[in-house]
Amino acid sequence: VQLQASRGGLVQAGGSLRLSCAASGRTFSNNAMGWFRQALGKERVFVSGISWKGGSTLYADSVKGRFTISRDISKNMVYLQMNNLTPEDTAVYFCAAHRSSYPGQLDREYRYWGQGTQVTVSS
């Protein structure tokens, strides 16, 4: 089982970036999916999650209104559209598959993890 996040990148403040995460080895159509991030020297924190059918989403307060999570079940993909980025969004971003159908904010709720991708926002 593998979760492969797309390459992140360097973007200027106010810019946008879309991350994608491809799942392989099994289908996650019955699992919620999520994104977490970890800034340098800080703990990994929840960013966003989406339910198994995509009808329910969850966002950290810090990204509400700027980030949008979505998924394509047929492609076994999950996406994170990030708009109006700020330097505080700089972190390594991880996609993860939840143990059940609805997302939560605790990393222990997620069973499978991608390798992480660096997003850097310059001021």
Protein backbone atom coordinates (compact mmCIF):
# COMPACT_ATOMS: atom_id res chain seq x y z
CA VAL A 1 0.00 0.00 0.00
CA GLN A 2 1.42 3.33 -0.98
CA LEU A 3 0.29 6.92 -0.85
CA GLN A 4 2.28 9.11 -3.16
CA ALA A 5 1.95 12.86 -2.87
CA SER A 6 2.79 15.07 -5.77
CA ARG A 7 5.75 17.33 -5.64
CA GLY A 8 5.11 20.48 -3.67
CA GLY A 9 7.12 23.52 -4.49
CA LEU A 10 8.00 27.10 -3.87
CA VAL A 11 5.32 29.72 -4.25
CA GLN A 12 5.04 33.37 -3.36
CA ALA A 13 2.71 34.59 -0.69
CA GLY A 14 -0.77 35.01 -2.08
CA GLY A 15 -0.21 32.30 -4.63
CA SER A 16 -1.84 28.92 -5.11
CA LEU A 17 -0.72 25.35 -5.27
CA ARG A 18 -2.53 22.06 -5.68
CA LEU A 19 -1.29 18.89 -4.07
CA SER A 20 -2.45 15.50 -5.17
CA CYS A 21 -2.10 12.12 -3.56
CA ALA A 22 -2.28 8.88 -5.46
CA ALA A 23 -3.10 5.67 -3.67
CA SER A 24 -1.90 2.34 -4.91
CA GLY A 25 -1.93 -1.19 -3.66
CA ARG A 26 -5.54 -1.06 -2.55
CA THR A 27 -8.61 1.05 -2.94
CA PHE A 28 -9.52 3.61 -0.31
CA SER A 29 -13.04 4.18 -1.57
CA ASN A 30 -14.43 3.28 1.86
CA ASN A 31 -11.91 5.34 3.80
CA ALA A 32 -11.78 8.97 4.68
CA MET A 33 -8.63 10.72 3.54
CA GLY A 34 -6.74 13.55 5.09
CA TRP A 35 -3.89 16.00 4.81
CA PHE A 36 -1.53 16.94 7.59
CA ARG A 37 1.47 19.22 7.69
CA GLN A 38 4.58 19.60 9.73
CA ALA A 39 6.54 22.80 9.90
CA LEU A 40 10.21 22.73 10.78
CA GLY A 41 10.65 22.10 14.47
CA LYS A 42 6.95 21.65 15.10
CA GLU A 43 4.56 18.77 15.49
CA ARG A 44 2.55 17.38 12.64
CA VAL A 45 -0.94 18.90 12.59
CA PHE A 46 -4.19 18.25 10.83
CA VAL A 47 -5.02 20.35 7.78
CA SER A 48 -8.07 18.84 6.14
CA GLY A 49 -10.05 15.65 5.75
CA ILE A 50 -12.73 14.27 3.48
CA SER A 51 -15.20 11.47 3.98
CA TRP A 52 -15.34 8.31 1.94
CA LYS A 53 -17.88 9.65 -0.55
CA GLY A 54 -16.60 13.18 -0.39
CA GLY A 55 -19.77 14.57 1.09
CA SER A 56 -18.22 15.66 4.34
CA THR A 57 -15.11 17.76 4.75
CA LEU A 58 -13.15 19.04 7.70
CA TYR A 59 -10.65 21.88 7.89
CA ALA A 60 -8.29 23.29 10.43
CA ASP A 61 -9.23 26.84 11.37
CA SER A 62 -5.97 28.12 9.96
CA VAL A 63 -6.85 27.03 6.42
CA LYS A 64 -10.62 27.46 6.30
CA GLY A 65 -11.70 29.49 3.34
CA ARG A 66 -8.32 29.09 1.64
CA PHE A 67 -7.85 25.35 1.20
CA THR A 68 -10.20 22.89 -0.47
CA ILE A 69 -9.96 19.15 -0.25
CA SER A 70 -11.50 16.88 -2.84
CA ARG A 71 -11.21 13.33 -4.06
CA ASP A 72 -11.75 11.26 -7.16
CA ILE A 73 -12.75 7.83 -5.99
CA SER A 74 -12.55 6.32 -9.46
CA LYS A 75 -8.90 7.35 -9.68
CA ASN A 76 -8.05 6.65 -6.05
CA MET A 77 -6.84 10.23 -5.75
CA VAL A 78 -7.22 12.99 -3.20
CA TYR A 79 -6.38 16.65 -3.76
CA LEU A 80 -5.65 19.72 -1.71
CA GLN A 81 -6.16 23.04 -3.44
CA MET A 82 -4.33 25.74 -1.52
CA ASN A 83 -5.08 29.38 -2.26
CA ASN A 84 -3.91 32.64 -0.79
CA LEU A 85 -0.87 30.95 0.69
CA THR A 86 1.12 32.62 3.42
CA PRO A 87 4.61 31.91 4.79
CA GLU A 88 2.90 30.24 7.75
CA ASP A 89 1.74 27.51 5.37
CA THR A 90 5.33 26.47 4.78
CA ALA A 91 5.63 22.85 5.85
CA VAL A 92 5.97 19.28 4.74
CA TYR A 93 2.53 18.08 3.74
CA PHE A 94 1.40 14.49 4.21
CA CYS A 95 -1.60 12.68 2.84
CA ALA A 96 -3.09 9.89 4.87
CA ALA A 97 -5.83 7.29 4.76
CA HIS A 98 -8.17 7.14 7.71
CA ARG A 99 -9.07 3.92 9.47
CA SER A 100 -12.78 4.50 8.82
CA SER A 101 -15.15 6.44 6.61
CA TYR A 102 -15.20 9.86 8.23
CA PRO A 103 -12.19 12.07 8.86
CA GLY A 104 -10.81 13.09 12.20
CA GLN A 105 -8.10 15.47 13.30
CA LEU A 106 -5.85 13.11 15.18
CA ASP A 107 -3.00 11.48 13.33
CA ARG A 108 -3.46 8.22 15.21
CA GLU A 109 -6.81 7.86 13.44
CA TYR A 110 -4.98 7.44 10.13
CA ARG A 111 -3.48 4.15 9.16
CA TYR A 112 -1.54 4.80 5.96
CA TRP A 113 0.71 7.75 5.28
CA GLY A 114 2.43 9.24 2.30
CA GLN A 115 6.03 10.28 2.34
CA GLY A 116 5.46 14.00 2.60
CA THR A 117 6.08 16.81 0.18
CA GLN A 118 7.63 20.19 0.87
CA VAL A 119 5.64 23.36 0.34
CA THR A 120 7.51 26.61 0.80
CA VAL A 121 5.81 29.98 0.68
CA SER A 122 8.04 33.00 0.32
CA SER A 123 7.07 36.42 1.58
